[in-house]
PDB file of N, CA and C in Angstrom:
ATOM      1  N   UNK A   1     -26.677 -61.653 -78.772  1.00  0.00           N
ATOM      2  CA  UNK A   1     -27.269 -61.570 -77.445  1.00  0.00           C
ATOM      3  C   UNK A   1     -26.251 -60.956 -76.485  1.00  0.00           C
ATOM      4  N   UNK A   2     -26.670 -59.955 -75.737  1.00  0.00           N
ATOM      5  CA  UNK A   2     -25.790 -59.311 -74.773  1.00  0.00           C
ATOM      6  C   UNK A   2     -25.912 -59.973 -73.416  1.00  0.00           C
ATOM      7  N   UNK A   3     -24.794 -60.103 -72.751  1.00  0.00           N
ATOM      8  CA  UNK A   3     -24.790 -60.655 -71.403  1.00  0.00           C
ATOM      9  C   UNK A   3     -24.523 -59.538 -70.415  1.00  0.00           C
ATOM     10  N   UNK A   4     -25.229 -59.567 -69.311  1.00  0.00           N
ATOM     11  CA  UNK A   4     -25.014 -58.559 -68.265  1.00  0.00           C
ATOM     12  C   UNK A   4     -23.777 -58.927 -67.456  1.00  0.00           C
ATOM     13  N   UNK A   5     -23.006 -57.932 -67.126  1.00  0.00           N
ATOM     14  CA  UNK A   5     -21.821 -58.129 -66.302  1.00  0.00           C
ATOM     15  C   UNK A   5     -22.088 -57.546 -64.928  1.00  0.00           C
ATOM     16  N   UNK A   6     -21.820 -58.342 -63.901  1.00  0.00           N
ATOM     17  CA  UNK A   6     -21.999 -57.832 -62.548  1.00  0.00           C
ATOM     18  C   UNK A   6     -20.752 -57.053 -62.165  1.00  0.00           C
ATOM     19  N   UNK A   7     -20.946 -55.809 -61.749  1.00  0.00           N
ATOM     20  CA  UNK A   7     -19.820 -54.957 -61.380  1.00  0.00           C
ATOM     21  C   UNK A   7     -19.328 -55.309 -59.981  1.00  0.00           C
ATOM     22  N   UNK A   8     -18.025 -55.221 -59.807  1.00  0.00           N
ATOM     23  CA  UNK A   8     -17.408 -55.451 -58.500  1.00  0.00           C
ATOM     24  C   UNK A   8     -17.806 -54.329 -57.549  1.00  0.00           C
ATOM     25  N   UNK A   9     -18.081 -54.676 -56.302  1.00  0.00           N
ATOM     26  CA  UNK A   9     -18.382 -53.665 -55.287  1.00  0.00           C
ATOM     27  C   UNK A   9     -17.110 -53.318 -54.528  1.00  0.00           C
ATOM     28  N   UNK A  10     -16.953 -52.036 -54.248  1.00  0.00           N
ATOM     29  CA  UNK A  10     -15.822 -51.534 -53.475  1.00  0.00           C
ATOM     30  C   UNK A  10     -16.394 -50.668 -52.360  1.00  0.00           C
ATOM     31  N   UNK A  11     -15.830 -50.809 -51.169  1.00  0.00           N
ATOM     32  CA  UNK A  11     -16.299 -50.052 -50.017  1.00  0.00           C
ATOM     33  C   UNK A  11     -15.168 -49.144 -49.542  1.00  0.00           C
ATOM     34  N   UNK A  12     -15.480 -47.862 -49.358  1.00  0.00           N
ATOM     35  CA  UNK A  12     -14.466 -46.871 -48.998  1.00  0.00           C
ATOM     36  C   UNK A  12     -14.891 -46.107 -47.755  1.00  0.00           C
ATOM     37  N   UNK A  13     -13.889 -45.739 -46.946  1.00  0.00           N
ATOM     38  CA  UNK A  13     -14.148 -44.823 -45.848  1.00  0.00           C
ATOM     39  C   UNK A  13     -12.874 -44.079 -45.511  1.00  0.00           C
ATOM     40  N   UNK A  14     -13.023 -42.962 -44.828  1.00  0.00           N
ATOM     41  CA  UNK A  14     -11.873 -42.149 -44.446  1.00  0.00           C
ATOM     42  C   UNK A  14     -11.588 -42.336 -42.964  1.00  0.00           C
ATOM     43  N   UNK A  15     -10.308 -42.562 -42.669  1.00  0.00           N
ATOM     44  CA  UNK A  15      -9.847 -42.690 -41.286  1.00  0.00           C
ATOM     45  C   UNK A  15      -8.669 -41.752 -41.113  1.00  0.00           C
ATOM     46  N   UNK A  16      -8.837 -40.733 -40.302  1.00  0.00           N
ATOM     47  CA  UNK A  16      -7.804 -39.724 -40.056  1.00  0.00           C
ATOM     48  C   UNK A  16      -7.333 -39.094 -41.369  1.00  0.00           C
ATOM     49  N   UNK A  17      -8.290 -38.795 -42.244  1.00  0.00           N
ATOM     50  CA  UNK A  17      -7.992 -38.123 -43.502  1.00  0.00           C
ATOM     51  C   UNK A  17      -7.508 -39.027 -44.618  1.00  0.00           C
ATOM     52  N   UNK A  18      -7.238 -40.283 -44.328  1.00  0.00           N
ATOM     53  CA  UNK A  18      -6.748 -41.211 -45.342  1.00  0.00           C
ATOM     54  C   UNK A  18      -7.900 -42.111 -45.803  1.00  0.00           C
ATOM     55  N   UNK A  19      -8.082 -42.221 -47.129  1.00  0.00           N
ATOM     56  CA  UNK A  19      -9.143 -43.073 -47.661  1.00  0.00           C
ATOM     57  C   UNK A  19      -8.694 -44.529 -47.646  1.00  0.00           C
ATOM     58  N   UNK A  20      -9.542 -45.381 -47.094  1.00  0.00           N
ATOM     59  CA  UNK A  20      -9.254 -46.808 -46.999  1.00  0.00           C
ATOM     60  C   UNK A  20     -10.227 -47.556 -47.897  1.00  0.00           C
ATOM     61  N   UNK A  21      -9.683 -48.435 -48.719  1.00  0.00           N
ATOM     62  CA  UNK A  21     -10.483 -49.225 -49.651  1.00  0.00           C
ATOM     63  C   UNK A  21     -10.631 -50.633 -49.091  1.00  0.00           C
ATOM     64  N   UNK A  22     -11.872 -51.075 -48.969  1.00  0.00           N
ATOM     65  CA  UNK A  22     -12.166 -52.401 -48.443  1.00  0.00           C
ATOM     66  C   UNK A  22     -12.733 -53.276 -49.555  1.00  0.00           C
ATOM     67  N   UNK A  23     -12.278 -54.504 -49.607  1.00  0.00           N
ATOM     68  CA  UNK A  23     -12.791 -55.427 -50.618  1.00  0.00           C
ATOM     69  C   UNK A  23     -14.122 -56.004 -50.155  1.00  0.00           C
ATOM     70  N   UNK A  24     -14.852 -56.541 -51.073  1.00  0.00           N
ATOM     71  CA  UNK A  24     -16.157 -57.125 -50.799  1.00  0.00           C
ATOM     72  C   UNK A  24     -15.956 -58.541 -50.243  1.00  0.00           C
ATOM     73  N   UNK A  25     -16.284 -58.761 -48.961  1.00  0.00           N
ATOM     74  CA  UNK A  25     -16.057 -60.088 -48.387  1.00  0.00           C
ATOM     75  C   UNK A  25     -17.014 -61.156 -48.922  1.00  0.00           C
ATOM     76  N   UNK A  26     -18.195 -60.733 -49.360  1.00  0.00           N
ATOM     77  CA  UNK A  26     -19.184 -61.674 -49.887  1.00  0.00           C
ATOM     78  C   UNK A  26     -20.173 -60.909 -50.762  1.00  0.00           C
ATOM     79  N   UNK A  27     -20.083 -61.086 -52.084  1.00  0.00           N
ATOM     80  CA  UNK A  27     -20.953 -60.332 -53.005  1.00  0.00           C
ATOM     81  C   UNK A  27     -22.450 -60.505 -52.755  1.00  0.00           C
ATOM     82  N   UNK A  28     -22.866 -61.586 -52.115  1.00  0.00           N
ATOM     83  CA  UNK A  28     -24.287 -61.808 -51.860  1.00  0.00           C
ATOM     84  C   UNK A  28     -24.797 -60.997 -50.664  1.00  0.00           C
ATOM     85  N   UNK A  29     -23.892 -60.469 -49.840  1.00  0.00           N
ATOM     86  CA  UNK A  29     -24.290 -59.708 -48.664  1.00  0.00           C
ATOM     87  C   UNK A  29     -24.792 -58.324 -49.059  1.00  0.00           C
ATOM     88  N   UNK A  30     -25.663 -57.782 -48.248  1.00  0.00           N
ATOM     89  CA  UNK A  30     -26.097 -56.394 -48.429  1.00  0.00           C
ATOM     90  C   UNK A  30     -24.958 -55.464 -48.001  1.00  0.00           C
ATOM     91  N   UNK A  31     -25.046 -54.205 -48.395  1.00  0.00           N
ATOM     92  CA  UNK A  31     -24.029 -53.225 -47.979  1.00  0.00           C
ATOM     93  C   UNK A  31     -24.012 -53.098 -46.455  1.00  0.00           C
ATOM     94  N   UNK A  32     -25.177 -53.210 -45.820  1.00  0.00           N
ATOM     95  CA  UNK A  32     -25.252 -53.141 -44.358  1.00  0.00           C
ATOM     96  C   UNK A  32     -24.512 -54.309 -43.704  1.00  0.00           C
ATOM     97  N   UNK A  33     -24.634 -55.492 -44.292  1.00  0.00           N
ATOM     98  CA  UNK A  33     -23.939 -56.670 -43.759  1.00  0.00           C
ATOM     99  C   UNK A  33     -22.427 -56.506 -43.895  1.00  0.00           C
ATOM    100  N   UNK A  34     -21.981 -55.925 -44.997  1.00  0.00           N
ATOM    101  CA  UNK A  34     -20.545 -55.678 -45.188  1.00  0.00           C
ATOM    102  C   UNK A  34     -20.051 -54.667 -44.152  1.00  0.00           C
ATOM    103  N   UNK A  35     -20.831 -53.616 -43.925  1.00  0.00           N
ATOM    104  CA  UNK A  35     -20.474 -52.628 -42.906  1.00  0.00           C
ATOM    105  C   UNK A  35     -20.336 -53.301 -41.545  1.00  0.00           C
ATOM    106  N   UNK A  36     -21.299 -54.132 -41.181  1.00  0.00           N
ATOM    107  CA  UNK A  36     -21.236 -54.836 -39.897  1.00  0.00           C
ATOM    108  C   UNK A  36     -20.026 -55.764 -39.824  1.00  0.00           C
ATOM    109  N   UNK A  37     -19.695 -56.410 -40.930  1.00  0.00           N
ATOM    110  CA  UNK A  37     -18.534 -57.300 -40.982  1.00  0.00           C
ATOM    111  C   UNK A  37     -17.247 -56.539 -40.650  1.00  0.00           C
ATOM    112  N   UNK A  38     -17.099 -55.341 -41.205  1.00  0.00           N
ATOM    113  CA  UNK A  38     -15.869 -54.584 -41.022  1.00  0.00           C
ATOM    114  C   UNK A  38     -15.801 -53.800 -39.708  1.00  0.00           C
ATOM    115  N   UNK A  39     -16.896 -53.722 -38.945  1.00  0.00           N
ATOM    116  CA  UNK A  39     -16.829 -52.991 -37.676  1.00  0.00           C
ATOM    117  C   UNK A  39     -15.911 -53.666 -36.671  1.00  0.00           C
ATOM    118  N   UNK A  40     -15.686 -54.967 -36.792  1.00  0.00           N
ATOM    119  CA  UNK A  40     -14.746 -55.659 -35.893  1.00  0.00           C
ATOM    120  C   UNK A  40     -13.317 -55.179 -36.119  1.00  0.00           C
ATOM    121  N   UNK A  41     -12.982 -54.886 -37.355  1.00  0.00           N
ATOM    122  CA  UNK A  41     -11.636 -54.437 -37.699  1.00  0.00           C
ATOM    123  C   UNK A  41     -11.492 -52.927 -37.553  1.00  0.00           C
ATOM    124  N   UNK A  42     -12.538 -52.193 -37.897  1.00  0.00           N
ATOM    125  CA  UNK A  42     -12.507 -50.726 -37.860  1.00  0.00           C
ATOM    126  C   UNK A  42     -13.662 -50.219 -36.978  1.00  0.00           C
ATOM    127  N   UNK A  43     -13.426 -50.086 -35.667  1.00  0.00           N
ATOM    128  CA  UNK A  43     -14.496 -49.652 -34.748  1.00  0.00           C
ATOM    129  C   UNK A  43     -15.148 -48.321 -35.133  1.00  0.00           C
ATOM    130  N   UNK A  44     -14.437 -47.475 -35.858  1.00  0.00           N
ATOM    131  CA  UNK A  44     -14.998 -46.206 -36.314  1.00  0.00           C
ATOM    132  C   UNK A  44     -16.277 -46.424 -37.125  1.00  0.00           C
ATOM    133  N   UNK A  45     -16.392 -47.577 -37.757  1.00  0.00           N
ATOM    134  CA  UNK A  45     -17.542 -47.858 -38.614  1.00  0.00           C
ATOM    135  C   UNK A  45     -18.821 -48.172 -37.841  1.00  0.00           C
ATOM    136  N   UNK A  46     -18.728 -48.343 -36.532  1.00  0.00           N
ATOM    137  CA  UNK A  46     -19.934 -48.663 -35.762  1.00  0.00           C
ATOM    138  C   UNK A  46     -20.959 -47.544 -35.824  1.00  0.00           C
ATOM    139  N   UNK A  47     -20.518 -46.323 -36.081  1.00  0.00           N
ATOM    140  CA  UNK A  47     -21.442 -45.188 -36.168  1.00  0.00           C
ATOM    141  C   UNK A  47     -21.547 -44.646 -37.598  1.00  0.00           C
ATOM    142  N   UNK A  48     -21.104 -45.422 -38.574  1.00  0.00           N
ATOM    143  CA  UNK A  48     -21.094 -44.944 -39.966  1.00  0.00           C
ATOM    144  C   UNK A  48     -22.437 -45.174 -40.647  1.00  0.00           C
ATOM    145  N   UNK A  49     -22.680 -44.348 -41.660  1.00  0.00           N
ATOM    146  CA  UNK A  49     -23.830 -44.552 -42.540  1.00  0.00           C
ATOM    147  C   UNK A  49     -23.278 -44.891 -43.928  1.00  0.00           C
ATOM    148  N   UNK A  50     -24.136 -45.445 -44.757  1.00  0.00           N
ATOM    149  CA  UNK A  50     -23.722 -45.872 -46.095  1.00  0.00           C
ATOM    150  C   UNK A  50     -24.290 -44.900 -47.111  1.00  0.00           C
ATOM    151  N   UNK A  51     -23.408 -44.360 -47.963  1.00  0.00           N
ATOM    152  CA  UNK A  51     -23.865 -43.453 -49.013  1.00  0.00           C
ATOM    153  C   UNK A  51     -24.479 -44.258 -50.161  1.00  0.00           C
ATOM    154  N   UNK A  52     -25.216 -43.582 -51.009  1.00  0.00           N
ATOM    155  CA  UNK A  52     -25.786 -44.228 -52.189  1.00  0.00           C
ATOM    156  C   UNK A  52     -24.650 -44.718 -53.084  1.00  0.00           C
ATOM    157  N   UNK A  53     -24.803 -45.869 -53.704  1.00  0.00           N
ATOM    158  CA  UNK A  53     -23.730 -46.397 -54.555  1.00  0.00           C
ATOM    159  C   UNK A  53     -23.520 -45.544 -55.803  1.00  0.00           C
ATOM    160  N   UNK A  54     -22.251 -45.479 -56.232  1.00  0.00           N
ATOM    161  CA  UNK A  54     -21.884 -44.754 -57.457  1.00  0.00           C
ATOM    162  C   UNK A  54     -21.052 -45.686 -58.325  1.00  0.00           C
ATOM    163  N   UNK A  55     -21.298 -45.632 -59.618  1.00  0.00           N
ATOM    164  CA  UNK A  55     -20.513 -46.446 -60.548  1.00  0.00           C
ATOM    165  C   UNK A  55     -19.291 -45.651 -60.970  1.00  0.00           C
ATOM    166  N   UNK A  56     -18.116 -46.258 -60.820  1.00  0.00           N
ATOM    167  CA  UNK A  56     -16.860 -45.609 -61.175  1.00  0.00           C
ATOM    168  C   UNK A  56     -15.862 -46.670 -61.622  1.00  0.00           C
ATOM    169  N   UNK A  57     -15.309 -46.486 -62.807  1.00  0.00           N
ATOM    170  CA  UNK A  57     -14.287 -47.403 -63.345  1.00  0.00           C
ATOM    171  C   UNK A  57     -14.710 -48.869 -63.263  1.00  0.00           C
ATOM    172  N   UNK A  58     -15.897 -49.176 -63.741  1.00  0.00           N
ATOM    173  CA  UNK A  58     -16.424 -50.542 -63.764  1.00  0.00           C
ATOM    174  C   UNK A  58     -16.540 -51.183 -62.382  1.00  0.00           C
ATOM    175  N   UNK A  59     -16.705 -50.365 -61.344  1.00  0.00           N
ATOM    176  CA  UNK A  59     -16.995 -50.864 -60.011  1.00  0.00           C
ATOM    177  C   UNK A  59     -18.168 -50.073 -59.437  1.00  0.00           C
ATOM    178  N   UNK A  60     -18.789 -50.626 -58.438  1.00  0.00           N
ATOM    179  CA  UNK A  60     -19.833 -49.916 -57.715  1.00  0.00           C
ATOM    180  C   UNK A  60     -19.226 -49.519 -56.378  1.00  0.00           C
ATOM    181  N   UNK A  61     -19.108 -48.221 -56.140  1.00  0.00           N
ATOM    182  CA  UNK A  61     -18.480 -47.714 -54.924  1.00  0.00           C
ATOM    183  C   UNK A  61     -19.534 -47.357 -53.877  1.00  0.00           C
ATOM    184  N   UNK A  62     -19.311 -47.855 -52.683  1.00  0.00           N
ATOM    185  CA  UNK A  62     -20.102 -47.471 -51.517  1.00  0.00           C
ATOM    186  C   UNK A  62     -19.153 -46.753 -50.570  1.00  0.00           C
ATOM    187  N   UNK A  63     -19.602 -45.641 -50.003  1.00  0.00           N
ATOM    188  CA  UNK A  63     -18.787 -44.912 -49.034  1.00  0.00           C
ATOM    189  C   UNK A  63     -19.418 -45.067 -47.658  1.00  0.00           C
ATOM    190  N   UNK A  64     -18.596 -45.502 -46.704  1.00  0.00           N
ATOM    191  CA  UNK A  64     -19.014 -45.553 -45.316  1.00  0.00           C
ATOM    192  C   UNK A  64     -18.596 -44.220 -44.709  1.00  0.00           C
ATOM    193  N   UNK A  65     -19.564 -43.438 -44.251  1.00  0.00           N
ATOM    194  CA  UNK A  65     -19.279 -42.103 -43.757  1.00  0.00           C
ATOM    195  C   UNK A  65     -19.582 -42.037 -42.268  1.00  0.00           C
ATOM    196  N   UNK A  66     -18.572 -41.645 -41.505  1.00  0.00           N
ATOM    197  CA  UNK A  66     -18.733 -41.539 -40.064  1.00  0.00           C
ATOM    198  C   UNK A  66     -19.693 -40.409 -39.735  1.00  0.00           C
ATOM    199  N   UNK A  67     -20.570 -40.665 -38.776  1.00  0.00           N
ATOM    200  CA  UNK A  67     -21.506 -39.633 -38.353  1.00  0.00           C
ATOM    201  C   UNK A  67     -21.030 -38.953 -37.075  1.00  0.00           C
ATOM    202  N   UNK A  68     -19.861 -39.342 -36.584  1.00  0.00           N
ATOM    203  CA  UNK A  68     -19.304 -38.713 -35.391  1.00  0.00           C
ATOM    204  C   UNK A  68     -18.700 -37.360 -35.772  1.00  0.00           C
ATOM    205  N   UNK A  69     -18.831 -36.397 -34.905  1.00  0.00           N
ATOM    206  CA  UNK A  69     -18.242 -35.084 -35.141  1.00  0.00           C
ATOM    207  C   UNK A  69     -16.739 -35.101 -34.978  1.00  0.00           C
ATOM    208  N   UNK A  70     -16.099 -34.041 -35.430  1.00  0.00           N
ATOM    209  CA  UNK A  70     -14.657 -33.917 -35.280  1.00  0.00           C
ATOM    210  C   UNK A  70     -14.352 -32.828 -34.277  1.00  0.00           C
ATOM    211  N   UNK A  71     -13.246 -32.979 -33.590  1.00  0.00           N
ATOM    212  CA  UNK A  71     -12.824 -31.969 -32.616  1.00  0.00           C
ATOM    213  C   UNK A  71     -12.048 -30.880 -33.324  1.00  0.00           C
ATOM    214  N   UNK A  72     -12.093 -29.700 -32.726  1.00  0.00           N
ATOM    215  CA  UNK A  72     -11.224 -28.660 -33.229  1.00  0.00           C
ATOM    216  C   UNK A  72     -11.971 -27.539 -33.762  1.00  0.00           C
TER     217      UNK A  72
END
């Protein structure tokens, strides 16, 4: 009998060109709830959208992508 393994969720976003990896504060939360949780620490995330999840290295990766434009 095979048992299903729940993959760890990882949340990523870019801040000033540097990718930041955020741990999952509560696996039962939706990706939207995790995004809202981290907006207190990273105000840039208040305008972010969530990309579709991708499986990579036995984790499920979600990318928080800022919808704000860049100057220059």
